[in-house]
C-alpha cells in the first residue's frame, strides 16, 4: 500500500511539472508568439543602434529591427542627416527590448504624440498636385486645394495583398498596395502606395493605416 501511495504522489508531481512547462505554449507545443502592437513615438539614431521613446512615456527603449524594418529604415535614412524622427510601427516585446516587426511610417515633419491617430482605415496623400484622402469602411473623402471635397460611398475589398475601393458616383477607383513609398517634399516614408483613378484624372501617392480595423 505504501508503495502504491508513493507511486501516485510521484505521478502527480510529474503532471504538475509538465503542466507548468507547457503553460506558455500553444496547442502545437510551440511557445506562444509575443503579441504585436502598434506604437508611435520619437526615434533617435545612436552609435550602436536606435533609441525610442513611446508616446505617453518618458522612458527611452532600445529598438531591435526585423530584416523588413531594417530595409525600410535604411532607405529612409540613406540621404543622411536624419538623427531624430517620428516612428509609427508594429512592435513586440523581446528580451527586454522592443522588436520592430513592421514600420507603418517614419517622418521628420508632421504630427507628433500630441496628435491622435486618424479615425480611418487608411490615410493617403500626394503631391504635384496636392491631394489627401481618408478611407473608411463605408467610402472615402478626397480633398484637393483647387476643388470642392469629393465624397463617395464604396466598401473596401481585399485585392491580393492590398485593398481597393470602387465607387459608381463618382465613378472612381482607389487602390492601395503594400510597398515602400517616399514623399521627399515632407521628408517622410510609409508602407503603402496609393493610386486613384477618377475619370481622366490619375493621382499617385503614399498611404498609412489609421486606427480603424481592416476588412
N, C-alpha and C. Protein backbone atom coordinates (compact mmCIF):
# COMPACT_ATOMS: atom_id res chain seq x y z
N UNK A 1 0.83 -1.20 0.00
CA UNK A 1 0.00 0.00 0.00
C UNK A 1 0.87 1.26 0.00
N UNK A 2 1.93 1.26 0.82
CA UNK A 2 2.84 2.41 0.88
C UNK A 2 3.47 2.68 -0.48
N UNK A 3 3.85 1.58 -1.17
CA UNK A 3 4.46 1.75 -2.49
C UNK A 3 3.48 2.34 -3.48
N UNK A 4 2.21 1.93 -3.40
CA UNK A 4 1.19 2.45 -4.32
C UNK A 4 0.99 3.95 -4.10
N UNK A 5 0.88 4.36 -2.80
CA UNK A 5 0.71 5.79 -2.50
C UNK A 5 1.90 6.61 -2.97
N UNK A 6 3.10 6.05 -2.81
CA UNK A 6 4.30 6.75 -3.25
C UNK A 6 4.32 6.94 -4.76
N UNK A 7 3.89 5.90 -5.48
CA UNK A 7 3.85 5.98 -6.95
C UNK A 7 2.86 7.03 -7.41
N UNK A 8 1.68 7.09 -6.74
CA UNK A 8 0.67 8.08 -7.11
C UNK A 8 1.17 9.50 -6.86
N UNK A 9 1.89 9.69 -5.75
CA UNK A 9 2.43 11.02 -5.43
C UNK A 9 3.44 11.46 -6.47
N UNK A 10 4.32 10.55 -6.89
CA UNK A 10 5.32 10.89 -7.91
C UNK A 10 4.67 11.23 -9.23
N UNK A 11 3.60 10.48 -9.57
CA UNK A 11 2.87 10.75 -10.82
C UNK A 11 2.26 12.14 -10.80
N UNK A 12 1.69 12.54 -9.63
CA UNK A 12 1.10 13.87 -9.51
C UNK A 12 2.13 14.96 -9.67
N UNK A 13 3.31 14.78 -9.07
CA UNK A 13 4.39 15.77 -9.20
C UNK A 13 4.81 15.94 -10.66
N UNK A 14 4.95 14.80 -11.35
CA UNK A 14 5.35 14.84 -12.77
C UNK A 14 4.31 15.57 -13.59
N UNK A 15 3.02 15.34 -13.27
CA UNK A 15 1.97 16.01 -14.04
C UNK A 15 2.00 17.51 -13.82
N UNK A 16 2.24 17.92 -12.54
CA UNK A 16 2.30 19.36 -12.26
C UNK A 16 3.47 20.01 -12.96
N UNK A 17 4.63 19.33 -12.99
CA UNK A 17 5.81 19.87 -13.67
C UNK A 17 5.56 20.00 -15.16
N UNK A 18 4.91 18.99 -15.74
CA UNK A 18 4.60 19.05 -17.18
C UNK A 18 3.66 20.19 -17.48
N UNK A 19 2.65 20.40 -16.56
CA UNK A 19 1.71 21.49 -16.77
C UNK A 19 2.39 22.83 -16.74
N UNK A 20 3.31 23.05 -15.78
CA UNK A 20 3.99 24.33 -15.70
C UNK A 20 4.91 24.55 -16.89
N UNK A 21 5.47 23.49 -17.43
CA UNK A 21 6.38 23.63 -18.58
C UNK A 21 5.63 24.02 -19.83
N UNK A 22 4.34 23.65 -19.93
CA UNK A 22 3.58 23.95 -21.16
C UNK A 22 2.63 25.12 -20.97
N UNK A 23 2.73 25.81 -19.85
CA UNK A 23 1.82 26.90 -19.54
C UNK A 23 1.84 27.99 -20.59
N UNK A 24 3.03 28.33 -21.14
CA UNK A 24 3.19 29.41 -22.10
C UNK A 24 3.37 28.90 -23.53
N UNK A 25 2.78 27.77 -23.84
CA UNK A 25 2.87 27.23 -25.19
C UNK A 25 1.49 27.16 -25.80
N UNK A 26 1.44 27.10 -27.14
CA UNK A 26 0.15 26.93 -27.79
C UNK A 26 -0.14 25.44 -27.92
N UNK A 27 -1.22 25.09 -28.63
CA UNK A 27 -1.64 23.70 -28.70
C UNK A 27 -0.65 22.82 -29.45
N UNK A 28 0.18 23.43 -30.27
CA UNK A 28 1.16 22.64 -31.02
C UNK A 28 2.39 22.33 -30.18
N UNK A 29 2.46 22.91 -28.98
CA UNK A 29 3.62 22.69 -28.12
C UNK A 29 4.69 23.73 -28.31
N UNK A 30 4.51 24.67 -29.28
CA UNK A 30 5.49 25.72 -29.51
C UNK A 30 5.19 26.91 -28.59
N UNK A 31 6.22 27.66 -28.16
CA UNK A 31 5.98 28.84 -27.33
C UNK A 31 5.09 29.83 -28.07
N UNK A 32 4.13 30.43 -27.34
CA UNK A 32 3.23 31.41 -27.94
C UNK A 32 4.02 32.63 -28.40
N UNK A 33 3.70 33.14 -29.59
CA UNK A 33 4.40 34.32 -30.12
C UNK A 33 4.00 35.56 -29.32
N UNK A 34 4.95 36.44 -29.03
CA UNK A 34 4.62 37.68 -28.32
C UNK A 34 3.60 38.49 -29.11
N UNK A 35 2.72 39.16 -28.40
CA UNK A 35 1.67 39.93 -29.05
C UNK A 35 2.26 41.16 -29.74
N UNK A 36 1.83 41.40 -30.97
CA UNK A 36 2.28 42.57 -31.71
C UNK A 36 1.33 43.73 -31.47
N UNK A 37 1.88 44.92 -31.25
CA UNK A 37 1.06 46.10 -31.03
C UNK A 37 1.60 47.27 -31.83
N UNK A 38 0.73 48.20 -32.12
CA UNK A 38 1.15 49.40 -32.84
C UNK A 38 1.57 50.45 -31.84
N UNK A 39 2.64 51.14 -32.14
CA UNK A 39 3.17 52.11 -31.21
C UNK A 39 3.76 53.29 -31.98
N UNK A 40 3.65 54.48 -31.41
CA UNK A 40 4.19 55.69 -32.03
C UNK A 40 5.11 56.39 -31.04
N UNK A 41 6.08 57.12 -31.56
CA UNK A 41 6.96 57.85 -30.67
C UNK A 41 8.18 58.42 -31.38
N UNK A 42 9.08 58.98 -30.59
CA UNK A 42 10.27 59.64 -31.11
C UNK A 42 11.44 58.66 -31.16
N UNK A 43 12.04 58.52 -32.34
CA UNK A 43 13.19 57.63 -32.52
C UNK A 43 14.46 58.44 -32.65
N UNK A 44 15.55 57.85 -32.19
CA UNK A 44 16.85 58.51 -32.19
C UNK A 44 17.90 57.54 -32.72
N UNK A 45 18.71 58.01 -33.66
CA UNK A 45 19.80 57.20 -34.19
C UNK A 45 21.02 57.40 -33.30
N UNK A 46 21.50 56.30 -32.70
CA UNK A 46 22.67 56.37 -31.85
C UNK A 46 23.87 55.66 -32.45
N UNK A 47 24.97 55.64 -31.73
CA UNK A 47 26.19 54.99 -32.23
C UNK A 47 25.98 53.49 -32.43
N UNK A 48 25.22 52.89 -31.51
CA UNK A 48 25.10 51.43 -31.52
C UNK A 48 23.71 50.94 -31.92
N UNK A 49 22.86 51.83 -32.42
CA UNK A 49 21.52 51.40 -32.81
C UNK A 49 20.50 52.51 -32.65
N UNK A 50 19.28 52.12 -32.29
CA UNK A 50 18.17 53.06 -32.22
C UNK A 50 17.60 53.12 -30.82
N UNK A 51 17.34 54.34 -30.35
CA UNK A 51 16.60 54.55 -29.12
C UNK A 51 15.21 55.01 -29.48
N UNK A 52 14.24 54.74 -28.61
CA UNK A 52 12.85 55.06 -28.93
C UNK A 52 12.10 55.42 -27.66
N UNK A 53 11.41 56.56 -27.67
CA UNK A 53 10.58 56.98 -26.55
C UNK A 53 9.13 56.95 -26.99
N UNK A 54 8.35 55.96 -26.54
CA UNK A 54 6.95 55.86 -26.96
C UNK A 54 6.13 57.05 -26.50
N UNK A 55 5.09 57.38 -27.25
CA UNK A 55 4.17 58.44 -26.85
C UNK A 55 3.56 58.08 -25.50
N UNK A 56 3.50 59.05 -24.60
CA UNK A 56 2.94 58.82 -23.29
C UNK A 56 3.91 58.26 -22.29
N UNK A 57 5.16 58.07 -22.68
CA UNK A 57 6.17 57.52 -21.79
C UNK A 57 7.41 58.41 -21.81
N UNK A 58 8.04 58.53 -20.66
CA UNK A 58 9.28 59.29 -20.61
C UNK A 58 10.50 58.38 -20.64
N UNK A 59 10.27 57.08 -20.82
CA UNK A 59 11.37 56.10 -20.80
C UNK A 59 11.82 55.77 -22.21
N UNK A 60 13.12 55.90 -22.44
CA UNK A 60 13.65 55.52 -23.74
C UNK A 60 13.92 54.03 -23.77
N UNK A 61 13.50 53.39 -24.85
CA UNK A 61 13.69 51.96 -25.03
C UNK A 61 14.70 51.70 -26.14
N UNK A 62 15.31 50.52 -26.11
CA UNK A 62 16.21 50.09 -27.17
C UNK A 62 15.40 49.35 -28.22
N UNK A 63 15.61 49.71 -29.49
CA UNK A 63 14.91 49.05 -30.58
C UNK A 63 15.79 48.00 -31.25
N UNK A 64 15.19 46.85 -31.56
CA UNK A 64 15.81 45.90 -32.48
C UNK A 64 14.91 45.82 -33.71
N UNK A 65 15.48 45.48 -34.85
CA UNK A 65 14.74 45.55 -36.10
C UNK A 65 14.65 44.20 -36.79
N UNK A 66 13.46 43.88 -37.32
CA UNK A 66 13.35 42.74 -38.21
C UNK A 66 14.05 43.12 -39.52
N UNK A 67 14.32 42.13 -40.36
CA UNK A 67 15.01 42.43 -41.63
C UNK A 67 14.19 43.38 -42.48
N UNK A 68 12.87 43.21 -42.49
CA UNK A 68 11.99 44.08 -43.27
C UNK A 68 12.07 45.52 -42.76
N UNK A 69 12.05 45.69 -41.43
CA UNK A 69 12.10 47.03 -40.85
C UNK A 69 13.46 47.68 -41.09
N UNK A 70 14.53 46.89 -41.04
CA UNK A 70 15.86 47.44 -41.28
C UNK A 70 15.99 47.97 -42.71
N UNK A 71 15.44 47.23 -43.66
CA UNK A 71 15.48 47.69 -45.06
C UNK A 71 14.73 49.02 -45.20
N UNK A 72 13.56 49.10 -44.55
CA UNK A 72 12.75 50.33 -44.60
C UNK A 72 13.55 51.51 -44.05
N UNK A 73 14.12 51.36 -42.85
CA UNK A 73 14.84 52.48 -42.24
C UNK A 73 16.12 52.82 -43.00
N UNK A 74 16.79 51.82 -43.55
CA UNK A 74 17.99 52.10 -44.34
C UNK A 74 17.64 53.00 -45.53
N UNK A 75 16.52 52.74 -46.17
CA UNK A 75 16.10 53.56 -47.30
C UNK A 75 15.70 54.96 -46.84
N UNK A 76 14.98 55.02 -45.72
CA UNK A 76 14.53 56.31 -45.20
C UNK A 76 15.70 57.20 -44.79
N UNK A 77 16.75 56.58 -44.24
CA UNK A 77 17.88 57.34 -43.71
C UNK A 77 19.05 57.47 -44.68
N UNK A 78 18.93 56.91 -45.88
CA UNK A 78 20.08 56.85 -46.77
C UNK A 78 20.57 58.22 -47.23
N UNK A 79 19.70 59.24 -47.21
CA UNK A 79 20.14 60.58 -47.64
C UNK A 79 21.01 61.24 -46.58
N UNK A 80 21.02 60.70 -45.35
CA UNK A 80 21.87 61.24 -44.30
C UNK A 80 21.24 62.45 -43.61
N UNK A 81 21.78 62.79 -42.46
CA UNK A 81 21.33 63.99 -41.76
C UNK A 81 20.15 63.80 -40.82
N UNK A 82 19.51 62.62 -40.87
CA UNK A 82 18.35 62.40 -40.00
C UNK A 82 18.80 61.63 -38.76
N UNK A 83 18.95 62.31 -37.65
CA UNK A 83 19.33 61.65 -36.41
C UNK A 83 18.13 61.45 -35.49
N UNK A 84 17.06 62.21 -35.72
CA UNK A 84 15.84 62.08 -34.94
C UNK A 84 14.65 62.10 -35.89
N UNK A 85 13.67 61.26 -35.63
CA UNK A 85 12.48 61.21 -36.47
C UNK A 85 11.33 60.56 -35.71
N UNK A 86 10.13 60.77 -36.22
CA UNK A 86 8.94 60.18 -35.61
C UNK A 86 8.68 58.83 -36.26
N UNK A 87 8.37 57.84 -35.43
CA UNK A 87 8.20 56.48 -35.93
C UNK A 87 6.83 55.94 -35.53
N UNK A 88 6.14 55.36 -36.49
CA UNK A 88 4.84 54.72 -36.30
C UNK A 88 5.02 53.28 -36.78
N UNK A 89 4.99 52.31 -35.86
CA UNK A 89 5.41 50.95 -36.22
C UNK A 89 4.64 49.90 -35.44
N UNK A 90 4.82 48.66 -35.87
CA UNK A 90 4.26 47.49 -35.20
C UNK A 90 5.41 46.79 -34.48
N UNK A 91 5.27 46.61 -33.16
CA UNK A 91 6.37 46.09 -32.35
C UNK A 91 5.89 44.96 -31.44
N UNK A 92 6.85 44.28 -30.85
CA UNK A 92 6.56 43.30 -29.80
C UNK A 92 7.73 43.28 -28.82
N UNK A 93 7.43 42.90 -27.59
CA UNK A 93 8.46 42.80 -26.56
C UNK A 93 9.31 41.55 -26.81
N UNK A 94 10.63 41.72 -26.74
CA UNK A 94 11.51 40.58 -26.94
C UNK A 94 12.80 40.79 -26.14
N UNK A 95 12.98 39.98 -25.12
CA UNK A 95 14.18 40.01 -24.30
C UNK A 95 14.46 41.40 -23.74
N UNK A 96 13.40 42.05 -23.25
CA UNK A 96 13.55 43.36 -22.63
C UNK A 96 13.68 44.51 -23.60
N UNK A 97 13.63 44.25 -24.88
CA UNK A 97 13.73 45.30 -25.89
C UNK A 97 12.46 45.31 -26.74
N UNK A 98 12.28 46.37 -27.51
CA UNK A 98 11.17 46.45 -28.46
C UNK A 98 11.67 46.01 -29.82
N UNK A 99 11.10 44.93 -30.35
CA UNK A 99 11.46 44.48 -31.69
C UNK A 99 10.47 45.05 -32.69
N UNK A 100 10.95 45.81 -33.65
CA UNK A 100 10.10 46.39 -34.69
C UNK A 100 9.83 45.32 -35.74
N UNK A 101 8.59 44.90 -35.83
CA UNK A 101 8.20 43.86 -36.78
C UNK A 101 7.96 44.47 -38.16
N UNK A 102 7.27 45.60 -38.20
CA UNK A 102 6.99 46.29 -39.47
C UNK A 102 6.80 47.77 -39.18
N UNK A 103 7.16 48.60 -40.14
CA UNK A 103 7.03 50.06 -39.98
C UNK A 103 5.86 50.55 -40.83
N UNK A 104 4.99 51.34 -40.20
CA UNK A 104 3.87 51.94 -40.91
C UNK A 104 4.30 53.23 -41.60
N UNK A 105 5.08 54.07 -40.88
CA UNK A 105 5.59 55.30 -41.49
C UNK A 105 6.68 55.91 -40.59
N UNK A 106 7.50 56.73 -41.19
CA UNK A 106 8.54 57.46 -40.48
C UNK A 106 8.67 58.83 -41.15
N UNK A 107 8.88 59.87 -40.33
CA UNK A 107 8.99 61.21 -40.91
C UNK A 107 9.64 62.16 -39.91
N UNK A 108 10.18 63.25 -40.45
CA UNK A 108 10.79 64.27 -39.61
C UNK A 108 9.88 65.48 -39.45
N UNK A 109 8.92 65.65 -40.37
CA UNK A 109 7.99 66.77 -40.30
C UNK A 109 6.57 66.23 -40.34
N UNK A 110 5.76 66.59 -39.34
CA UNK A 110 4.39 66.11 -39.32
C UNK A 110 3.87 66.00 -37.90
N UNK A 111 2.67 65.41 -37.72
CA UNK A 111 2.06 65.30 -36.39
C UNK A 111 2.90 64.45 -35.45
N UNK A 112 2.94 64.84 -34.17
CA UNK A 112 3.72 64.11 -33.18
C UNK A 112 2.78 63.44 -32.18
N UNK A 113 3.27 63.22 -30.98
CA UNK A 113 2.49 62.49 -29.97
C UNK A 113 1.23 63.23 -29.54
N UNK A 114 1.19 64.56 -29.69
CA UNK A 114 0.01 65.31 -29.27
C UNK A 114 -1.12 65.22 -30.28
N UNK A 115 -0.92 64.49 -31.37
CA UNK A 115 -1.95 64.31 -32.38
C UNK A 115 -2.50 62.89 -32.29
N UNK A 116 -3.82 62.75 -32.19
CA UNK A 116 -4.44 61.43 -32.05
C UNK A 116 -4.38 60.67 -33.38
N UNK A 117 -4.33 59.32 -33.34
CA UNK A 117 -4.38 58.53 -34.57
C UNK A 117 -5.66 58.83 -35.36
N UNK A 118 -5.57 58.76 -36.67
CA UNK A 118 -6.72 59.11 -37.52
C UNK A 118 -7.84 58.07 -37.44
N UNK A 119 -9.08 58.56 -37.38
CA UNK A 119 -10.25 57.68 -37.35
C UNK A 119 -10.60 57.27 -38.78
N UNK A 120 -9.77 56.43 -39.36
CA UNK A 120 -9.93 55.96 -40.73
C UNK A 120 -9.23 54.62 -40.87
N UNK A 121 -9.55 53.89 -41.94
CA UNK A 121 -8.81 52.66 -42.21
C UNK A 121 -7.44 52.99 -42.80
N UNK A 122 -7.43 53.96 -43.71
CA UNK A 122 -6.18 54.44 -44.31
C UNK A 122 -6.27 55.95 -44.50
N UNK A 123 -5.11 56.58 -44.49
CA UNK A 123 -4.99 57.99 -44.85
C UNK A 123 -3.91 58.07 -45.93
N UNK A 124 -4.25 58.69 -47.06
CA UNK A 124 -3.31 58.78 -48.18
C UNK A 124 -3.15 60.23 -48.59
N UNK A 125 -2.03 60.52 -49.25
CA UNK A 125 -1.79 61.88 -49.74
C UNK A 125 -0.78 61.84 -50.87
N UNK A 126 -0.76 62.92 -51.64
CA UNK A 126 0.18 63.01 -52.75
C UNK A 126 0.51 64.46 -53.05
N UNK A 127 1.51 64.64 -53.88
CA UNK A 127 1.94 65.98 -54.26
C UNK A 127 1.99 66.08 -55.79
N UNK A 128 2.00 67.33 -56.25
CA UNK A 128 2.11 67.60 -57.70
C UNK A 128 1.05 66.85 -58.52
N UNK A 129 -0.22 67.12 -58.37
CA UNK A 129 -0.83 68.13 -57.49
C UNK A 129 -1.04 67.59 -56.07
N UNK A 130 -1.26 68.51 -55.10
CA UNK A 130 -1.50 68.11 -53.73
C UNK A 130 -2.91 67.53 -53.59
N UNK A 131 -3.01 66.47 -52.83
CA UNK A 131 -4.32 65.89 -52.51
C UNK A 131 -4.20 65.06 -51.24
N UNK A 132 -5.34 64.84 -50.58
CA UNK A 132 -5.37 63.97 -49.39
C UNK A 132 -6.65 63.15 -49.44
N UNK A 133 -6.58 61.96 -48.88
CA UNK A 133 -7.68 61.00 -48.98
C UNK A 133 -7.82 60.25 -47.66
N UNK A 134 -9.05 60.15 -47.17
CA UNK A 134 -9.34 59.36 -45.98
C UNK A 134 -10.28 58.23 -46.39
N UNK A 135 -9.90 57.01 -46.05
CA UNK A 135 -10.68 55.83 -46.44
C UNK A 135 -11.25 55.17 -45.20
N UNK A 136 -12.56 54.86 -45.26
CA UNK A 136 -13.26 54.26 -44.14
C UNK A 136 -14.01 53.02 -44.62
N UNK A 137 -14.67 52.28 -43.72
CA UNK A 137 -15.42 51.08 -44.14
C UNK A 137 -16.57 51.40 -45.10
N UNK A 138 -17.03 52.66 -45.14
CA UNK A 138 -18.18 53.00 -45.98
C UNK A 138 -17.81 53.80 -47.23
N UNK A 139 -16.58 54.23 -47.35
CA UNK A 139 -16.21 55.00 -48.53
C UNK A 139 -14.97 55.84 -48.32
N UNK A 140 -14.87 56.93 -49.08
CA UNK A 140 -13.68 57.76 -48.99
C UNK A 140 -14.01 59.24 -49.20
N UNK A 141 -13.10 60.09 -48.73
CA UNK A 141 -13.23 61.54 -48.87
C UNK A 141 -11.93 62.06 -49.46
N UNK A 142 -12.04 62.70 -50.64
CA UNK A 142 -10.88 63.26 -51.33
C UNK A 142 -10.91 64.78 -51.22
N UNK A 143 -9.78 65.35 -50.84
CA UNK A 143 -9.68 66.80 -50.72
C UNK A 143 -8.49 67.29 -51.55
N UNK A 144 -8.74 68.36 -52.34
CA UNK A 144 -7.71 68.99 -53.17
C UNK A 144 -7.84 70.50 -53.05
N UNK A 145 -6.73 71.22 -53.08
CA UNK A 145 -6.78 72.68 -52.87
C UNK A 145 -7.65 73.41 -53.89
N UNK A 146 -7.71 72.92 -55.13
CA UNK A 146 -8.42 73.64 -56.18
C UNK A 146 -9.80 73.07 -56.47
N UNK A 147 -10.31 72.18 -55.61
CA UNK A 147 -11.61 71.55 -55.86
C UNK A 147 -12.39 71.42 -54.56
N UNK A 148 -13.70 71.28 -54.69
CA UNK A 148 -14.53 71.02 -53.52
C UNK A 148 -14.28 69.59 -53.03
N UNK A 149 -14.41 69.33 -51.72
CA UNK A 149 -14.24 67.95 -51.22
C UNK A 149 -15.16 66.99 -51.96
N UNK A 150 -14.64 65.83 -52.26
CA UNK A 150 -15.39 64.83 -53.02
C UNK A 150 -15.52 63.57 -52.17
N UNK A 151 -16.77 63.17 -51.94
CA UNK A 151 -17.04 62.01 -51.09
C UNK A 151 -17.75 60.93 -51.90
N UNK A 152 -17.39 59.68 -51.62
CA UNK A 152 -18.00 58.57 -52.35
C UNK A 152 -18.31 57.43 -51.39
N UNK A 153 -19.37 56.70 -51.72
CA UNK A 153 -19.74 55.50 -50.97
C UNK A 153 -19.13 54.30 -51.66
N UNK A 154 -18.33 53.56 -50.94
CA UNK A 154 -17.66 52.38 -51.51
C UNK A 154 -17.14 51.51 -50.38
N UNK A 155 -17.35 50.22 -50.51
CA UNK A 155 -16.86 49.28 -49.49
C UNK A 155 -15.46 48.82 -49.85
N UNK A 156 -14.62 48.68 -48.84
CA UNK A 156 -13.26 48.20 -49.06
C UNK A 156 -13.29 46.70 -49.38
N UNK A 157 -12.46 46.30 -50.32
CA UNK A 157 -12.34 44.88 -50.64
C UNK A 157 -10.88 44.49 -50.71
N UNK A 158 -10.60 43.26 -50.31
CA UNK A 158 -9.22 42.77 -50.33
C UNK A 158 -8.86 42.41 -51.76
N UNK A 159 -7.70 42.84 -52.21
CA UNK A 159 -7.22 42.53 -53.56
C UNK A 159 -5.78 42.06 -53.46
N UNK A 160 -5.58 40.76 -53.38
CA UNK A 160 -4.24 40.23 -53.20
C UNK A 160 -3.71 40.66 -51.84
N UNK A 161 -2.59 41.35 -51.83
CA UNK A 161 -2.02 41.84 -50.58
C UNK A 161 -2.43 43.28 -50.28
N UNK A 162 -3.29 43.84 -51.12
CA UNK A 162 -3.72 45.23 -50.94
C UNK A 162 -5.22 45.35 -50.77
N UNK A 163 -5.72 46.59 -50.98
CA UNK A 163 -7.14 46.88 -50.82
C UNK A 163 -7.59 47.81 -51.94
N UNK A 164 -8.90 47.77 -52.23
CA UNK A 164 -9.44 48.64 -53.28
C UNK A 164 -10.84 49.11 -52.88
N UNK A 165 -11.17 50.33 -53.34
CA UNK A 165 -12.50 50.90 -53.15
C UNK A 165 -12.97 51.34 -54.54
N UNK A 166 -14.12 50.83 -55.00
CA UNK A 166 -14.66 51.21 -56.30
C UNK A 166 -16.02 51.87 -56.08
N UNK A 167 -16.22 53.04 -56.65
CA UNK A 167 -17.48 53.76 -56.48
C UNK A 167 -18.11 54.04 -57.84
N UNK A 168 -19.46 54.09 -57.85
CA UNK A 168 -20.19 54.36 -59.09
C UNK A 168 -20.44 55.85 -59.29
N UNK A 169 -20.64 56.58 -58.19
CA UNK A 169 -20.92 58.01 -58.29
C UNK A 169 -20.19 58.76 -57.17
N UNK A 170 -19.09 59.41 -57.53
CA UNK A 170 -18.46 59.49 -58.86
C UNK A 170 -17.81 58.16 -59.24
N UNK A 171 -17.67 57.96 -60.53
CA UNK A 171 -17.02 56.75 -61.00
C UNK A 171 -15.52 56.86 -60.72
N UNK A 172 -15.06 56.06 -59.80
CA UNK A 172 -13.66 56.16 -59.37
C UNK A 172 -13.21 54.84 -58.77
N UNK A 173 -11.91 54.69 -58.67
CA UNK A 173 -11.32 53.52 -58.03
C UNK A 173 -10.07 53.94 -57.27
N UNK A 174 -9.98 53.48 -56.06
CA UNK A 174 -8.82 53.72 -55.21
C UNK A 174 -8.14 52.39 -54.94
N UNK A 175 -6.84 52.32 -55.14
CA UNK A 175 -6.08 51.10 -54.89
C UNK A 175 -4.91 51.40 -53.95
N UNK A 176 -4.75 50.56 -52.95
CA UNK A 176 -3.60 50.65 -52.03
C UNK A 176 -2.86 49.32 -52.06
N UNK A 177 -1.57 49.39 -52.28
CA UNK A 177 -0.75 48.18 -52.31
C UNK A 177 0.44 48.36 -51.37
N UNK A 178 0.84 47.28 -50.68
CA UNK A 178 1.98 47.41 -49.78
C UNK A 178 3.27 47.63 -50.54
N UNK A 179 4.11 48.50 -50.03
CA UNK A 179 5.38 48.80 -50.68
C UNK A 179 5.93 50.12 -50.18
N UNK A 180 7.23 50.20 -50.07
CA UNK A 180 7.89 51.43 -49.58
C UNK A 180 7.50 52.60 -50.46
N UNK A 181 7.11 53.70 -49.82
CA UNK A 181 6.67 54.88 -50.57
C UNK A 181 7.24 56.12 -49.88
N UNK A 182 7.99 56.92 -50.62
CA UNK A 182 8.66 58.09 -50.05
C UNK A 182 8.04 59.37 -50.58
N UNK A 183 7.86 60.32 -49.67
CA UNK A 183 7.43 61.67 -50.02
C UNK A 183 8.58 62.60 -49.69
N UNK A 184 9.39 62.93 -50.70
CA UNK A 184 10.57 63.74 -50.48
C UNK A 184 10.27 65.14 -50.00
N UNK A 185 9.11 65.69 -50.40
CA UNK A 185 8.77 67.04 -50.01
C UNK A 185 8.47 67.14 -48.51
N UNK A 186 7.96 66.04 -47.93
CA UNK A 186 7.63 66.04 -46.50
C UNK A 186 8.66 65.29 -45.68
N UNK A 187 9.73 64.82 -46.32
CA UNK A 187 10.76 64.04 -45.65
C UNK A 187 10.11 62.89 -44.88
N UNK A 188 9.31 62.10 -45.60
CA UNK A 188 8.53 61.04 -44.97
C UNK A 188 8.53 59.79 -45.84
N UNK A 189 8.27 58.66 -45.20
CA UNK A 189 8.13 57.40 -45.93
C UNK A 189 7.07 56.57 -45.23
N UNK A 190 6.32 55.82 -46.01
CA UNK A 190 5.27 54.97 -45.45
C UNK A 190 5.28 53.62 -46.15
N UNK A 191 4.42 52.72 -45.65
CA UNK A 191 4.47 51.33 -46.09
C UNK A 191 3.47 50.98 -47.18
N UNK A 192 2.71 51.98 -47.67
CA UNK A 192 1.69 51.70 -48.68
C UNK A 192 1.78 52.69 -49.83
N UNK A 193 1.50 52.20 -51.04
CA UNK A 193 1.44 53.04 -52.23
C UNK A 193 -0.02 53.20 -52.64
N UNK A 194 -0.40 54.44 -52.98
CA UNK A 194 -1.79 54.76 -53.30
C UNK A 194 -1.94 55.19 -54.76
N UNK A 195 -3.06 54.79 -55.34
CA UNK A 195 -3.36 55.17 -56.72
C UNK A 195 -4.87 55.45 -56.83
N UNK A 196 -5.22 56.59 -57.45
CA UNK A 196 -6.62 56.97 -57.63
C UNK A 196 -6.90 57.16 -59.12
N UNK A 197 -7.97 56.55 -59.59
CA UNK A 197 -8.46 56.77 -60.95
C UNK A 197 -9.83 57.43 -60.83
N UNK A 198 -9.92 58.69 -61.26
CA UNK A 198 -11.15 59.48 -61.14
C UNK A 198 -11.43 60.13 -62.49
N UNK A 199 -12.23 59.45 -63.32
CA UNK A 199 -12.44 59.92 -64.68
C UNK A 199 -11.12 59.91 -65.43
N UNK A 200 -10.73 61.06 -65.97
CA UNK A 200 -9.46 61.16 -66.68
C UNK A 200 -8.29 61.50 -65.76
N UNK A 201 -8.58 61.69 -64.48
CA UNK A 201 -7.55 62.09 -63.52
C UNK A 201 -6.88 60.86 -62.92
N UNK A 202 -5.56 60.89 -62.87
CA UNK A 202 -4.77 59.83 -62.23
C UNK A 202 -3.90 60.46 -61.15
N UNK A 203 -4.06 59.99 -59.93
CA UNK A 203 -3.28 60.52 -58.81
C UNK A 203 -2.51 59.38 -58.15
N UNK A 204 -1.28 59.67 -57.76
CA UNK A 204 -0.48 58.67 -57.05
C UNK A 204 0.12 59.31 -55.79
N UNK A 205 0.34 58.49 -54.78
CA UNK A 205 0.90 59.00 -53.55
C UNK A 205 1.18 57.87 -52.57
N UNK A 206 1.28 58.23 -51.30
CA UNK A 206 1.62 57.28 -50.24
C UNK A 206 0.48 57.20 -49.23
N UNK A 207 0.45 56.10 -48.48
CA UNK A 207 -0.62 55.91 -47.51
C UNK A 207 -0.12 55.19 -46.27
N UNK A 208 -0.84 55.36 -45.18
CA UNK A 208 -0.57 54.60 -43.96
C UNK A 208 -1.91 54.24 -43.31
N UNK A 209 -1.87 53.25 -42.44
CA UNK A 209 -3.09 52.81 -41.79
C UNK A 209 -3.51 53.79 -40.70
N UNK A 210 -4.84 53.96 -40.55
CA UNK A 210 -5.39 54.71 -39.44
C UNK A 210 -5.69 53.76 -38.30
N UNK A 211 -6.62 54.14 -37.42
CA UNK A 211 -6.90 53.32 -36.24
C UNK A 211 -8.05 52.34 -36.46
N UNK A 212 -8.84 52.48 -37.54
CA UNK A 212 -9.97 51.58 -37.76
C UNK A 212 -9.48 50.24 -38.31
N UNK A 213 -10.12 49.12 -37.93
CA UNK A 213 -9.69 47.81 -38.41
C UNK A 213 -9.93 47.65 -39.91
N UNK A 214 -9.15 46.77 -40.52
CA UNK A 214 -9.28 46.49 -41.95
C UNK A 214 -10.31 45.38 -42.15
N UNK A 215 -10.89 45.31 -43.37
CA UNK A 215 -11.87 44.24 -43.64
C UNK A 215 -11.23 42.86 -43.66
